[in-house]
Amino acid sequence: MAHMLARLVYRMLKYGEQYVDKGMNYYEEKYRDHEIRSIQKKAKELGLDVTLNPAAA
């Protein structure tokens, strides 16, 4: 979190960019994608093949 804030402040100071809040959904989706990639990588290391199927709501 601190690294992300440092990058935001750096861009604002160096390039004069304005801060734009991307919203909680953006960060939740980004975290979800990261978790999926992590699980796929771990499965591959274990010699498994992962097929993604969306769960029924």
PDB file of N, CA and C in Angstrom:
ATOM      1  N   MET A   1       0.827  -1.182   0.000  1.00  0.00           N
ATOM      2  CA  MET A   1       0.000   0.000   0.000  1.00  0.00           C
ATOM      3  C   MET A   1       0.875   1.251   0.000  1.00  0.00           C
ATOM      4  N   ALA A   2       1.924   1.245   0.782  1.00  0.00           N
ATOM      5  CA  ALA A   2       2.798   2.409   0.854  1.00  0.00           C
ATOM      6  C   ALA A   2       3.466   2.670  -0.496  1.00  0.00           C
ATOM      7  N   HIS A   3       3.832   1.592  -1.192  1.00  0.00           N
ATOM      8  CA  HIS A   3       4.467   1.754  -2.497  1.00  0.00           C
ATOM      9  C   HIS A   3       3.498   2.375  -3.496  1.00  0.00           C
ATOM     10  N   MET A   4       2.259   1.938  -3.458  1.00  0.00           N
ATOM     11  CA  MET A   4       1.249   2.486  -4.361  1.00  0.00           C
ATOM     12  C   MET A   4       1.041   3.981  -4.091  1.00  0.00           C
ATOM     13  N   LEU A   5       0.966   4.347  -2.819  1.00  0.00           N
ATOM     14  CA  LEU A   5       0.791   5.759  -2.474  1.00  0.00           C
ATOM     15  C   LEU A   5       1.991   6.581  -2.907  1.00  0.00           C
ATOM     16  N   ALA A   6       3.184   6.037  -2.724  1.00  0.00           N
ATOM     17  CA  ALA A   6       4.398   6.751  -3.136  1.00  0.00           C
ATOM     18  C   ALA A   6       4.395   6.993  -4.646  1.00  0.00           C
ATOM     19  N   ARG A   7       3.960   5.996  -5.415  1.00  0.00           N
ATOM     20  CA  ARG A   7       3.900   6.154  -6.864  1.00  0.00           C
ATOM     21  C   ARG A   7       2.879   7.211  -7.264  1.00  0.00           C
ATOM     22  N   LEU A   8       1.727   7.228  -6.572  1.00  0.00           N
ATOM     23  CA  LEU A   8       0.702   8.244  -6.861  1.00  0.00           C
ATOM     24  C   LEU A   8       1.228   9.646  -6.604  1.00  0.00           C
ATOM     25  N   VAL A   9       1.861   9.830  -5.462  1.00  0.00           N
ATOM     26  CA  VAL A   9       2.398  11.151  -5.101  1.00  0.00           C
ATOM     27  C   VAL A   9       3.484  11.555  -6.084  1.00  0.00           C
ATOM     28  N   TYR A  10       4.352  10.635  -6.458  1.00  0.00           N
ATOM     29  CA  TYR A  10       5.419  10.924  -7.407  1.00  0.00           C
ATOM     30  C   TYR A  10       4.855  11.421  -8.740  1.00  0.00           C
ATOM     31  N   ARG A  11       3.853  10.708  -9.265  1.00  0.00           N
ATOM     32  CA  ARG A  11       3.269  11.126 -10.548  1.00  0.00           C
ATOM     33  C   ARG A  11       2.581  12.481 -10.437  1.00  0.00           C
ATOM     34  N   MET A  12       1.939  12.719  -9.292  1.00  0.00           N
ATOM     35  CA  MET A  12       1.260  14.010  -9.115  1.00  0.00           C
ATOM     36  C   MET A  12       2.279  15.143  -9.078  1.00  0.00           C
ATOM     37  N   LEU A  13       3.391  14.940  -8.388  1.00  0.00           N
ATOM     38  CA  LEU A  13       4.396  15.994  -8.277  1.00  0.00           C
ATOM     39  C   LEU A  13       5.199  16.166  -9.563  1.00  0.00           C
ATOM     40  N   LYS A  14       5.629  15.080 -10.162  1.00  0.00           N
ATOM     41  CA  LYS A  14       6.491  15.165 -11.335  1.00  0.00           C
ATOM     42  C   LYS A  14       5.743  15.579 -12.598  1.00  0.00           C
ATOM     43  N   TYR A  15       4.574  14.998 -12.823  1.00  0.00           N
ATOM     44  CA  TYR A  15       3.864  15.232 -14.078  1.00  0.00           C
ATOM     45  C   TYR A  15       2.619  16.100 -13.930  1.00  0.00           C
ATOM     46  N   GLY A  16       2.288  16.478 -12.714  1.00  0.00           N
ATOM     47  CA  GLY A  16       1.124  17.322 -12.489  1.00  0.00           C
ATOM     48  C   GLY A  16      -0.194  16.588 -12.705  1.00  0.00           C
ATOM     49  N   GLU A  17      -0.171  15.259 -12.616  1.00  0.00           N
ATOM     50  CA  GLU A  17      -1.389  14.482 -12.800  1.00  0.00           C
ATOM     51  C   GLU A  17      -2.310  14.650 -11.606  1.00  0.00           C
ATOM     52  N   GLN A  18      -3.593  14.570 -11.873  1.00  0.00           N
ATOM     53  CA  GLN A  18      -4.584  14.647 -10.815  1.00  0.00           C
ATOM     54  C   GLN A  18      -4.866  13.234 -10.303  1.00  0.00           C
ATOM     55  N   TYR A  19      -5.191  13.129  -9.036  1.00  0.00           N
ATOM     56  CA  TYR A  19      -5.561  11.849  -8.457  1.00  0.00           C
ATOM     57  C   TYR A  19      -6.985  11.518  -8.867  1.00  0.00           C
ATOM     58  N   VAL A  20      -7.180  10.305  -9.369  1.00  0.00           N
ATOM     59  CA  VAL A  20      -8.506   9.838  -9.753  1.00  0.00           C
ATOM     60  C   VAL A  20      -8.769   8.547  -8.987  1.00  0.00           C
ATOM     61  N   ASP A  21      -9.785   8.562  -8.147  1.00  0.00           N
ATOM     62  CA  ASP A  21     -10.147   7.377  -7.382  1.00  0.00           C
ATOM     63  C   ASP A  21     -10.812   6.381  -8.320  1.00  0.00           C
ATOM     64  N   LYS A  22     -10.238   5.195  -8.440  1.00  0.00           N
ATOM     65  CA  LYS A  22     -10.756   4.188  -9.358  1.00  0.00           C
ATOM     66  C   LYS A  22     -11.893   3.383  -8.755  1.00  0.00           C
ATOM     67  N   GLY A  23     -12.113   3.542  -7.482  1.00  0.00           N
ATOM     68  CA  GLY A  23     -13.225   2.860  -6.833  1.00  0.00           C
ATOM     69  C   GLY A  23     -12.841   1.492  -6.304  1.00  0.00           C
ATOM     70  N   MET A  24     -13.631   1.015  -5.383  1.00  0.00           N
ATOM     71  CA  MET A  24     -13.361  -0.264  -4.727  1.00  0.00           C
ATOM     72  C   MET A  24     -13.495  -1.434  -5.692  1.00  0.00           C
ATOM     73  N   ASN A  25     -14.420  -1.359  -6.631  1.00  0.00           N
ATOM     74  CA  ASN A  25     -14.611  -2.462  -7.586  1.00  0.00           C
ATOM     75  C   ASN A  25     -13.355  -2.722  -8.396  1.00  0.00           C
ATOM     76  N   TYR A  26     -12.655  -1.657  -8.786  1.00  0.00           N
ATOM     77  CA  TYR A  26     -11.421  -1.795  -9.562  1.00  0.00           C
ATOM     78  C   TYR A  26     -10.396  -2.617  -8.784  1.00  0.00           C
ATOM     79  N   TYR A  27     -10.197  -2.258  -7.523  1.00  0.00           N
ATOM     80  CA  TYR A  27      -9.192  -2.939  -6.713  1.00  0.00           C
ATOM     81  C   TYR A  27      -9.613  -4.359  -6.352  1.00  0.00           C
ATOM     82  N   GLU A  28     -10.903  -4.592  -6.148  1.00  0.00           N
ATOM     83  CA  GLU A  28     -11.372  -5.943  -5.883  1.00  0.00           C
ATOM     84  C   GLU A  28     -11.175  -6.843  -7.103  1.00  0.00           C
ATOM     85  N   GLU A  29     -11.446  -6.331  -8.285  1.00  0.00           N
ATOM     86  CA  GLU A  29     -11.257  -7.101  -9.518  1.00  0.00           C
ATOM     87  C   GLU A  29      -9.769  -7.381  -9.753  1.00  0.00           C
ATOM     88  N   LYS A  30      -8.944  -6.384  -9.483  1.00  0.00           N
ATOM     89  CA  LYS A  30      -7.504  -6.553  -9.638  1.00  0.00           C
ATOM     90  C   LYS A  30      -6.985  -7.625  -8.679  1.00  0.00           C
ATOM     91  N   TYR A  31      -7.462  -7.613  -7.435  1.00  0.00           N
ATOM     92  CA  TYR A  31      -7.068  -8.611  -6.446  1.00  0.00           C
ATOM     93  C   TYR A  31      -7.551 -10.000  -6.864  1.00  0.00           C
ATOM     94  N   ARG A  32      -8.779 -10.085  -7.369  1.00  0.00           N
ATOM     95  CA  ARG A  32      -9.336 -11.355  -7.821  1.00  0.00           C
ATOM     96  C   ARG A  32      -8.497 -11.947  -8.955  1.00  0.00           C
ATOM     97  N   ASP A  33      -8.137 -11.106  -9.921  1.00  0.00           N
ATOM     98  CA  ASP A  33      -7.305 -11.572 -11.035  1.00  0.00           C
ATOM     99  C   ASP A  33      -5.944 -12.058 -10.541  1.00  0.00           C
ATOM    100  N   HIS A  34      -5.377 -11.349  -9.579  1.00  0.00           N
ATOM    101  CA  HIS A  34      -4.091 -11.744  -9.003  1.00  0.00           C
ATOM    102  C   HIS A  34      -4.199 -13.108  -8.321  1.00  0.00           C
ATOM    103  N   GLU A  35      -5.259 -13.325  -7.566  1.00  0.00           N
ATOM    104  CA  GLU A  35      -5.466 -14.595  -6.884  1.00  0.00           C
ATOM    105  C   GLU A  35      -5.626 -15.735  -7.882  1.00  0.00           C
ATOM    106  N   ILE A  36      -6.360 -15.506  -8.956  1.00  0.00           N
ATOM    107  CA  ILE A  36      -6.549 -16.533  -9.987  1.00  0.00           C
ATOM    108  C   ILE A  36      -5.218 -16.906 -10.614  1.00  0.00           C
ATOM    109  N   ARG A  37      -4.417 -15.901 -10.980  1.00  0.00           N
ATOM    110  CA  ARG A  37      -3.101 -16.184 -11.572  1.00  0.00           C
ATOM    111  C   ARG A  37      -2.206 -16.941 -10.592  1.00  0.00           C
ATOM    112  N   SER A  38      -2.276 -16.572  -9.331  1.00  0.00           N
ATOM    113  CA  SER A  38      -1.470 -17.239  -8.305  1.00  0.00           C
ATOM    114  C   SER A  38      -1.854 -18.709  -8.165  1.00  0.00           C
ATOM    115  N   ILE A  39      -3.146 -18.990  -8.144  1.00  0.00           N
ATOM    116  CA  ILE A  39      -3.621 -20.369  -8.028  1.00  0.00           C
ATOM    117  C   ILE A  39      -3.231 -21.178  -9.264  1.00  0.00           C
ATOM    118  N   GLN A  40      -3.359 -20.570 -10.452  1.00  0.00           N
ATOM    119  CA  GLN A  40      -2.981 -21.268 -11.675  1.00  0.00           C
ATOM    120  C   GLN A  40      -1.483 -21.591 -11.673  1.00  0.00           C
ATOM    121  N   LYS A  41      -0.673 -20.664 -11.212  1.00  0.00           N
ATOM    122  CA  LYS A  41       0.773 -20.880 -11.166  1.00  0.00           C
ATOM    123  C   LYS A  41       1.113 -22.007 -10.202  1.00  0.00           C
ATOM    124  N   LYS A  42       0.494 -21.997  -9.016  1.00  0.00           N
ATOM    125  CA  LYS A  42       0.742 -23.042  -8.028  1.00  0.00           C
ATOM    126  C   LYS A  42       0.304 -24.411  -8.561  1.00  0.00           C
ATOM    127  N   ALA A  43      -0.842 -24.468  -9.227  1.00  0.00           N
ATOM    128  CA  ALA A  43      -1.322 -25.722  -9.803  1.00  0.00           C
ATOM    129  C   ALA A  43      -0.349 -26.240 -10.864  1.00  0.00           C
ATOM    130  N   LYS A  44       0.153 -25.340 -11.681  1.00  0.00           N
ATOM    131  CA  LYS A  44       1.110 -25.739 -12.722  1.00  0.00           C
ATOM    132  C   LYS A  44       2.380 -26.306 -12.097  1.00  0.00           C
ATOM    133  N   GLU A  45       2.842 -25.682 -11.009  1.00  0.00           N
ATOM    134  CA  GLU A  45       4.035 -26.175 -10.316  1.00  0.00           C
ATOM    135  C   GLU A  45       3.797 -27.586  -9.754  1.00  0.00           C
ATOM    136  N   LEU A  46       2.555 -27.890  -9.405  1.00  0.00           N
ATOM    137  CA  LEU A  46       2.210 -29.205  -8.865  1.00  0.00           C
ATOM    138  C   LEU A  46       1.862 -30.204  -9.961  1.00  0.00           C
ATOM    139  N   GLY A  47       1.939 -29.759 -11.213  1.00  0.00           N
ATOM    140  CA  GLY A  47       1.661 -30.644 -12.338  1.00  0.00           C
ATOM    141  C   GLY A  47       0.182 -30.807 -12.630  1.00  0.00           C
ATOM    142  N   LEU A  48      -0.618 -29.832 -12.232  1.00  0.00           N
ATOM    143  CA  LEU A  48      -2.061 -29.891 -12.453  1.00  0.00           C
ATOM    144  C   LEU A  48      -2.466 -28.921 -13.550  1.00  0.00           C
ATOM    145  N   ASP A  49      -3.585 -29.224 -14.183  1.00  0.00           N
ATOM    146  CA  ASP A  49      -4.151 -28.347 -15.209  1.00  0.00           C
ATOM    147  C   ASP A  49      -5.438 -27.752 -14.652  1.00  0.00           C
ATOM    148  N   VAL A  50      -5.573 -26.440 -14.715  1.00  0.00           N
ATOM    149  CA  VAL A  50      -6.720 -25.749 -14.141  1.00  0.00           C
ATOM    150  C   VAL A  50      -7.628 -25.262 -15.270  1.00  0.00           C
ATOM    151  N   THR A  51      -8.914 -25.551 -15.141  1.00  0.00           N
ATOM    152  CA  THR A  51      -9.919 -25.041 -16.069  1.00  0.00           C
ATOM    153  C   THR A  51     -10.847 -24.117 -15.299  1.00  0.00           C
ATOM    154  N   LEU A  52     -11.013 -22.910 -15.778  1.00  0.00           N
ATOM    155  CA  LEU A  52     -11.857 -21.931 -15.093  1.00  0.00           C
ATOM    156  C   LEU A  52     -13.276 -22.014 -15.620  1.00  0.00           C
ATOM    157  N   ASN A  53     -14.207 -22.199 -14.698  1.00  0.00           N
ATOM    158  CA  ASN A  53     -15.633 -22.202 -15.009  1.00  0.00           C
ATOM    159  C   ASN A  53     -16.312 -21.283 -14.008  1.00  0.00           C
ATOM    160  N   PRO A  54     -17.050 -20.264 -14.473  1.00  0.00           N
ATOM    161  CA  PRO A  54     -17.723 -19.373 -13.544  1.00  0.00           C
ATOM    162  C   PRO A  54     -18.759 -20.128 -12.707  1.00  0.00           C
ATOM    163  N   ALA A  55     -18.809 -19.796 -11.423  1.00  0.00           N
ATOM    164  CA  ALA A  55     -19.772 -20.428 -10.537  1.00  0.00           C
ATOM    165  C   ALA A  55     -21.147 -19.853 -10.778  1.00  0.00           C
ATOM    166  N   ALA A  56     -22.167 -20.679 -10.634  1.00  0.00           N
ATOM    167  CA  ALA A  56     -23.538 -20.212 -10.777  1.00  0.00           C
ATOM    168  C   ALA A  56     -23.883 -19.332  -9.594  1.00  0.00           C
ATOM    169  N   ALA A  57     -24.524 -18.207  -9.868  1.00  0.00           N
ATOM    170  CA  ALA A  57     -24.849 -17.271  -8.792  1.00  0.00           C
ATOM    171  C   ALA A  57     -26.066 -17.683  -8.020  1.00  0.00           C
TER     172      ALA A  57
END
